[in-house]
Amino acid sequence: MKTSPAYDQLVDLPAYVEQPVPMPFEDINGHLNVRHYIGIASEGLDESLVEVGIPQMWPLTHGHACFSAEHHVTYLSELRTGDTMSARVRLLGRSERAGHALVYLLDETHQRVACVVEEVFLHIDMSTRLTAPWPDDVAAALDARVAEHQALPFAADTSGSLALR
């Protein structure tokens, strides 16, 4: 059975998009609507990639972009309006043109893991809008972050349905 790391194992990773769940994101069940989980996780991943040389304005400043290719979402506990949430990112690997990550959405209010979003993302040359090899500096920084995250003291359990190619 797939298990997620515990809140206590993830809380030391950098927090991204830390914010309360806003009322407009609530659904009829009184919790964060399903459509917002991927958006918040994506924002957290984007923020984390700044640290490896991928600025949020990359398409405008350098003519490069990251496009999402695949997601797998696992919901573990509900996030309710007003709960403080954050995203924690673990980079799993990269290929010549893609990256693989786990984004954990934490419920900071109740100190638990709310959701795990696994993602494969692609490097895009915006002049052609096709995949392209990572720039050398970004590739090196991604490799360093992947190595750092491989040393974390808990397993990187994935869905098994996504992989780099």
C-alpha atoms as a PDB file:
ATOM      1  CA  MET A   1       0.000   0.000   0.000  1.00  0.00           C
ATOM      2  CA  LYS A   2       1.275   3.451  -0.924  1.00  0.00           C
ATOM      3  CA  THR A   3       1.965   5.691   2.053  1.00  0.00           C
ATOM      4  CA  SER A   4       2.634   9.389   2.264  1.00  0.00           C
ATOM      5  CA  PRO A   5       5.300  10.862   4.507  1.00  0.00           C
ATOM      6  CA  ALA A   6       3.958  12.265   7.755  1.00  0.00           C
ATOM      7  CA  TYR A   7       3.477  15.986   8.307  1.00  0.00           C
ATOM      8  CA  ASP A   8       6.444  15.982  10.712  1.00  0.00           C
ATOM      9  CA  GLN A   9       8.703  14.596   7.966  1.00  0.00           C
ATOM     10  CA  LEU A  10       7.646  17.229   5.430  1.00  0.00           C
ATOM     11  CA  VAL A  11       7.438  20.359   7.556  1.00  0.00           C
ATOM     12  CA  ASP A  12      11.197  21.018   7.351  1.00  0.00           C
ATOM     13  CA  LEU A  13      11.052  21.361   3.552  1.00  0.00           C
ATOM     14  CA  PRO A  14      10.605  24.959   2.347  1.00  0.00           C
ATOM     15  CA  ALA A  15       6.991  26.158   2.399  1.00  0.00           C
ATOM     16  CA  TYR A  16       5.526  27.636  -0.767  1.00  0.00           C
ATOM     17  CA  VAL A  17       2.161  29.355  -1.392  1.00  0.00           C
ATOM     18  CA  GLU A  18       1.411  29.397   2.326  1.00  0.00           C
ATOM     19  CA  GLN A  19      -2.069  30.875   2.725  1.00  0.00           C
ATOM     20  CA  PRO A  20      -5.492  30.272   4.243  1.00  0.00           C
ATOM     21  CA  VAL A  21      -8.064  28.435   2.149  1.00  0.00           C
ATOM     22  CA  PRO A  22     -10.219  31.297   0.811  1.00  0.00           C
ATOM     23  CA  MET A  23     -14.000  31.118   0.925  1.00  0.00           C
ATOM     24  CA  PRO A  24     -14.377  31.395  -2.886  1.00  0.00           C
ATOM     25  CA  PHE A  25     -12.391  28.117  -3.183  1.00  0.00           C
ATOM     26  CA  GLU A  26     -14.936  26.230  -1.036  1.00  0.00           C
ATOM     27  CA  ASP A  27     -17.359  23.757  -2.581  1.00  0.00           C
ATOM     28  CA  ILE A  28     -20.821  22.652  -1.471  1.00  0.00           C
ATOM     29  CA  ASN A  29     -19.217  20.167   0.955  1.00  0.00           C
ATOM     30  CA  GLY A  30     -17.523  22.982   2.878  1.00  0.00           C
ATOM     31  CA  HIS A  31     -13.968  22.136   1.875  1.00  0.00           C
ATOM     32  CA  LEU A  32     -11.424  23.138  -0.774  1.00  0.00           C
ATOM     33  CA  ASN A  33     -12.920  22.332  -4.159  1.00  0.00           C
ATOM     34  CA  VAL A  34     -11.106  19.610  -6.081  1.00  0.00           C
ATOM     35  CA  ARG A  35     -10.242  21.945  -8.977  1.00  0.00           C
ATOM     36  CA  HIS A  36      -8.019  24.096  -6.749  1.00  0.00           C
ATOM     37  CA  TYR A  37      -5.672  21.379  -5.463  1.00  0.00           C
ATOM     38  CA  ILE A  38      -3.720  21.085  -8.725  1.00  0.00           C
ATOM     39  CA  GLY A  39      -3.611  24.863  -9.131  1.00  0.00           C
ATOM     40  CA  ILE A  40      -2.179  25.409  -5.656  1.00  0.00           C
ATOM     41  CA  ALA A  41       0.295  22.544  -6.071  1.00  0.00           C
ATOM     42  CA  SER A  42       1.337  23.938  -9.451  1.00  0.00           C
ATOM     43  CA  GLU A  43       1.954  27.365  -7.918  1.00  0.00           C
ATOM     44  CA  GLY A  44       4.058  25.743  -5.206  1.00  0.00           C
ATOM     45  CA  LEU A  45       6.107  23.832  -7.770  1.00  0.00           C
ATOM     46  CA  ASP A  46       6.574  27.032  -9.808  1.00  0.00           C
ATOM     47  CA  GLU A  47       7.805  28.895  -6.717  1.00  0.00           C
ATOM     48  CA  SER A  48      10.243  26.089  -5.881  1.00  0.00           C
ATOM     49  CA  LEU A  49      11.667  26.073  -9.423  1.00  0.00           C
ATOM     50  CA  VAL A  50      12.796  29.690  -9.045  1.00  0.00           C
ATOM     51  CA  GLU A  51      15.542  28.311  -6.775  1.00  0.00           C
ATOM     52  CA  VAL A  52      16.905  26.153  -9.625  1.00  0.00           C
ATOM     53  CA  GLY A  53      17.038  28.954 -12.174  1.00  0.00           C
ATOM     54  CA  ILE A  54      13.513  28.939 -13.573  1.00  0.00           C
ATOM     55  CA  PRO A  55      12.040  32.369 -12.848  1.00  0.00           C
ATOM     56  CA  GLN A  56       8.286  32.788 -12.945  1.00  0.00           C
ATOM     57  CA  MET A  57       8.662  35.176 -15.896  1.00  0.00           C
ATOM     58  CA  TRP A  58      10.891  32.697 -17.785  1.00  0.00           C
ATOM     59  CA  PRO A  59       8.752  32.787 -20.965  1.00  0.00           C
ATOM     60  CA  LEU A  60       9.088  36.564 -21.189  1.00  0.00           C
ATOM     61  CA  THR A  61      12.682  36.937 -19.981  1.00  0.00           C
ATOM     62  CA  HIS A  62      14.349  33.910 -21.607  1.00  0.00           C
ATOM     63  CA  GLY A  63      11.892  32.399 -24.097  1.00  0.00           C
ATOM     64  CA  HIS A  64      11.584  29.171 -22.079  1.00  0.00           C
ATOM     65  CA  ALA A  65       8.683  27.686 -20.126  1.00  0.00           C
ATOM     66  CA  CYS A  66       7.606  24.671 -18.121  1.00  0.00           C
ATOM     67  CA  PHE A  67       4.390  22.969 -19.206  1.00  0.00           C
ATOM     68  CA  SER A  68       2.619  20.335 -17.125  1.00  0.00           C
ATOM     69  CA  ALA A  69       2.327  17.022 -18.932  1.00  0.00           C
ATOM     70  CA  GLU A  70       0.796  14.627 -16.399  1.00  0.00           C
ATOM     71  CA  HIS A  71      -0.640  14.650 -12.879  1.00  0.00           C
ATOM     72  CA  HIS A  72      -1.672  12.085 -10.347  1.00  0.00           C
ATOM     73  CA  VAL A  73      -3.587  13.393  -7.322  1.00  0.00           C
ATOM     74  CA  THR A  74      -4.116  11.611  -4.000  1.00  0.00           C
ATOM     75  CA  TYR A  75      -6.461  13.224  -1.467  1.00  0.00           C
ATOM     76  CA  LEU A  76      -5.696  12.293   2.130  1.00  0.00           C
ATOM     77  CA  SER A  77      -7.640  14.743   4.313  1.00  0.00           C
ATOM     78  CA  GLU A  78      -9.869  17.711   3.681  1.00  0.00           C
ATOM     79  CA  LEU A  79      -8.780  21.325   3.728  1.00  0.00           C
ATOM     80  CA  ARG A  80     -11.563  23.582   4.991  1.00  0.00           C
ATOM     81  CA  THR A  81     -12.140  27.293   4.540  1.00  0.00           C
ATOM     82  CA  GLY A  82      -9.785  29.227   6.807  1.00  0.00           C
ATOM     83  CA  ASP A  83      -7.307  26.347   7.275  1.00  0.00           C
ATOM     84  CA  THR A  84      -3.763  27.433   6.523  1.00  0.00           C
ATOM     85  CA  MET A  85      -2.182  25.372   3.744  1.00  0.00           C
ATOM     86  CA  SER A  86       1.263  25.193   2.192  1.00  0.00           C
ATOM     87  CA  ALA A  87       3.001  23.265  -0.566  1.00  0.00           C
ATOM     88  CA  ARG A  88       6.225  21.299  -0.020  1.00  0.00           C
ATOM     89  CA  VAL A  89       8.105  20.069  -3.083  1.00  0.00           C
ATOM     90  CA  ARG A  90      10.297  17.023  -3.628  1.00  0.00           C
ATOM     91  CA  LEU A  91      12.046  16.761  -7.003  1.00  0.00           C
ATOM     92  CA  LEU A  92      12.379  13.128  -8.024  1.00  0.00           C
ATOM     93  CA  GLY A  93      14.326  13.296 -11.249  1.00  0.00           C
ATOM     94  CA  ARG A  94      14.797  14.849 -14.634  1.00  0.00           C
ATOM     95  CA  SER A  95      15.414  13.713 -18.159  1.00  0.00           C
ATOM     96  CA  GLU A  96      16.798  15.723 -21.049  1.00  0.00           C
ATOM     97  CA  ARG A  97      13.482  17.588 -21.464  1.00  0.00           C
ATOM     98  CA  ALA A  98      11.306  16.802 -18.429  1.00  0.00           C
ATOM     99  CA  GLY A  99      11.133  16.847 -14.662  1.00  0.00           C
ATOM    100  CA  HIS A 100       9.283  14.698 -12.124  1.00  0.00           C
ATOM    101  CA  ALA A 101       8.091  16.002  -8.752  1.00  0.00           C
ATOM    102  CA  LEU A 102       5.902  15.307  -5.769  1.00  0.00           C
ATOM    103  CA  VAL A 103       4.074  18.282  -4.288  1.00  0.00           C
ATOM    104  CA  TYR A 104       2.636  17.775  -0.825  1.00  0.00           C
ATOM    105  CA  LEU A 105      -0.172  20.107   0.226  1.00  0.00           C
ATOM    106  CA  LEU A 106      -0.043  20.417   3.984  1.00  0.00           C
ATOM    107  CA  ASP A 107      -2.838  21.429   6.310  1.00  0.00           C
ATOM    108  CA  GLU A 108      -0.817  23.628   8.656  1.00  0.00           C
ATOM    109  CA  THR A 109      -3.813  24.226  10.928  1.00  0.00           C
ATOM    110  CA  HIS A 110      -4.263  20.538  11.773  1.00  0.00           C
ATOM    111  CA  GLN A 111      -0.656  19.484  11.020  1.00  0.00           C
ATOM    112  CA  ARG A 112      -1.439  16.794   8.488  1.00  0.00           C
ATOM    113  CA  VAL A 113      -0.881  15.977   4.834  1.00  0.00           C
ATOM    114  CA  ALA A 114      -3.979  16.907   2.862  1.00  0.00           C
ATOM    115  CA  CYS A 115      -2.988  15.949  -0.673  1.00  0.00           C
ATOM    116  CA  VAL A 116      -0.122  14.672  -2.803  1.00  0.00           C
ATOM    117  CA  VAL A 117       0.173  15.844  -6.410  1.00  0.00           C
ATOM    118  CA  GLU A 118       2.675  13.976  -8.548  1.00  0.00           C
ATOM    119  CA  GLU A 119       3.630  15.831 -11.711  1.00  0.00           C
ATOM    120  CA  VAL A 120       5.710  15.430 -14.833  1.00  0.00           C
ATOM    121  CA  PHE A 121       6.584  18.794 -16.360  1.00  0.00           C
ATOM    122  CA  LEU A 122       8.319  19.628 -19.625  1.00  0.00           C
ATOM    123  CA  HIS A 123      10.876  22.217 -20.700  1.00  0.00           C
ATOM    124  CA  ILE A 124       9.477  24.186 -23.647  1.00  0.00           C
ATOM    125  CA  ASP A 125      11.259  26.452 -26.133  1.00  0.00           C
ATOM    126  CA  MET A 126       8.642  29.174 -26.547  1.00  0.00           C
ATOM    127  CA  SER A 127       9.840  30.100 -30.056  1.00  0.00           C
ATOM    128  CA  THR A 128       8.731  26.673 -31.309  1.00  0.00           C
ATOM    129  CA  ARG A 129       6.395  25.702 -28.442  1.00  0.00           C
ATOM    130  CA  LEU A 130       8.042  22.275 -28.494  1.00  0.00           C
ATOM    131  CA  THR A 131      10.012  20.417 -25.858  1.00  0.00           C
ATOM    132  CA  ALA A 132      13.720  21.194 -25.768  1.00  0.00           C
ATOM    133  CA  PRO A 133      16.721  20.128 -23.676  1.00  0.00           C
ATOM    134  CA  TRP A 134      17.085  21.951 -20.369  1.00  0.00           C
ATOM    135  CA  PRO A 135      19.624  24.799 -20.434  1.00  0.00           C
ATOM    136  CA  ASP A 136      22.902  23.550 -18.921  1.00  0.00           C
ATOM    137  CA  ASP A 137      22.695  25.743 -15.800  1.00  0.00           C
ATOM    138  CA  VAL A 138      19.110  24.702 -15.066  1.00  0.00           C
ATOM    139  CA  ALA A 139      19.914  21.019 -15.703  1.00  0.00           C
ATOM    140  CA  ALA A 140      22.804  21.187 -13.217  1.00  0.00           C
ATOM    141  CA  ALA A 141      20.660  22.925 -10.605  1.00  0.00           C
ATOM    142  CA  LEU A 142      17.827  20.410 -11.086  1.00  0.00           C
ATOM    143  CA  ASP A 143      20.309  17.546 -10.703  1.00  0.00           C
ATOM    144  CA  ALA A 144      21.655  19.072  -7.483  1.00  0.00           C
ATOM    145  CA  ARG A 145      18.139  19.494  -6.056  1.00  0.00           C
ATOM    146  CA  VAL A 146      17.190  15.940  -7.037  1.00  0.00           C
ATOM    147  CA  ALA A 147      20.321  14.630  -5.258  1.00  0.00           C
ATOM    148  CA  GLU A 148      19.472  16.717  -2.198  1.00  0.00           C
ATOM    149  CA  HIS A 149      15.933  15.345  -2.155  1.00  0.00           C
ATOM    150  CA  GLN A 150      17.105  11.750  -2.688  1.00  0.00           C
ATOM    151  CA  ALA A 151      18.917  12.089   0.639  1.00  0.00           C
ATOM    152  CA  LEU A 152      15.708  12.892   2.551  1.00  0.00           C
ATOM    153  CA  PRO A 153      15.066  10.346   5.300  1.00  0.00           C
ATOM    154  CA  PHE A 154      11.698   9.168   3.957  1.00  0.00           C
ATOM    155  CA  ALA A 155      10.584   7.313   0.851  1.00  0.00           C
ATOM    156  CA  ALA A 156       9.392   9.124  -2.249  1.00  0.00           C
ATOM    157  CA  ASP A 157       6.337   6.964  -2.820  1.00  0.00           C
ATOM    158  CA  THR A 158       4.886   7.656  -6.240  1.00  0.00           C
ATOM    159  CA  SER A 159       1.707   6.544  -7.955  1.00  0.00           C
ATOM    160  CA  GLY A 160       3.623   4.274 -10.296  1.00  0.00           C
ATOM    161  CA  SER A 161       1.602   5.687 -13.171  1.00  0.00           C
ATOM    162  CA  LEU A 162       3.952   8.575 -14.077  1.00  0.00           C
ATOM    163  CA  ALA A 163       7.544   8.371 -15.226  1.00  0.00           C
ATOM    164  CA  LEU A 164      10.160  10.379 -17.068  1.00  0.00           C
ATOM    165  CA  ARG A 165      10.734   9.510 -20.683  1.00  0.00           C
END
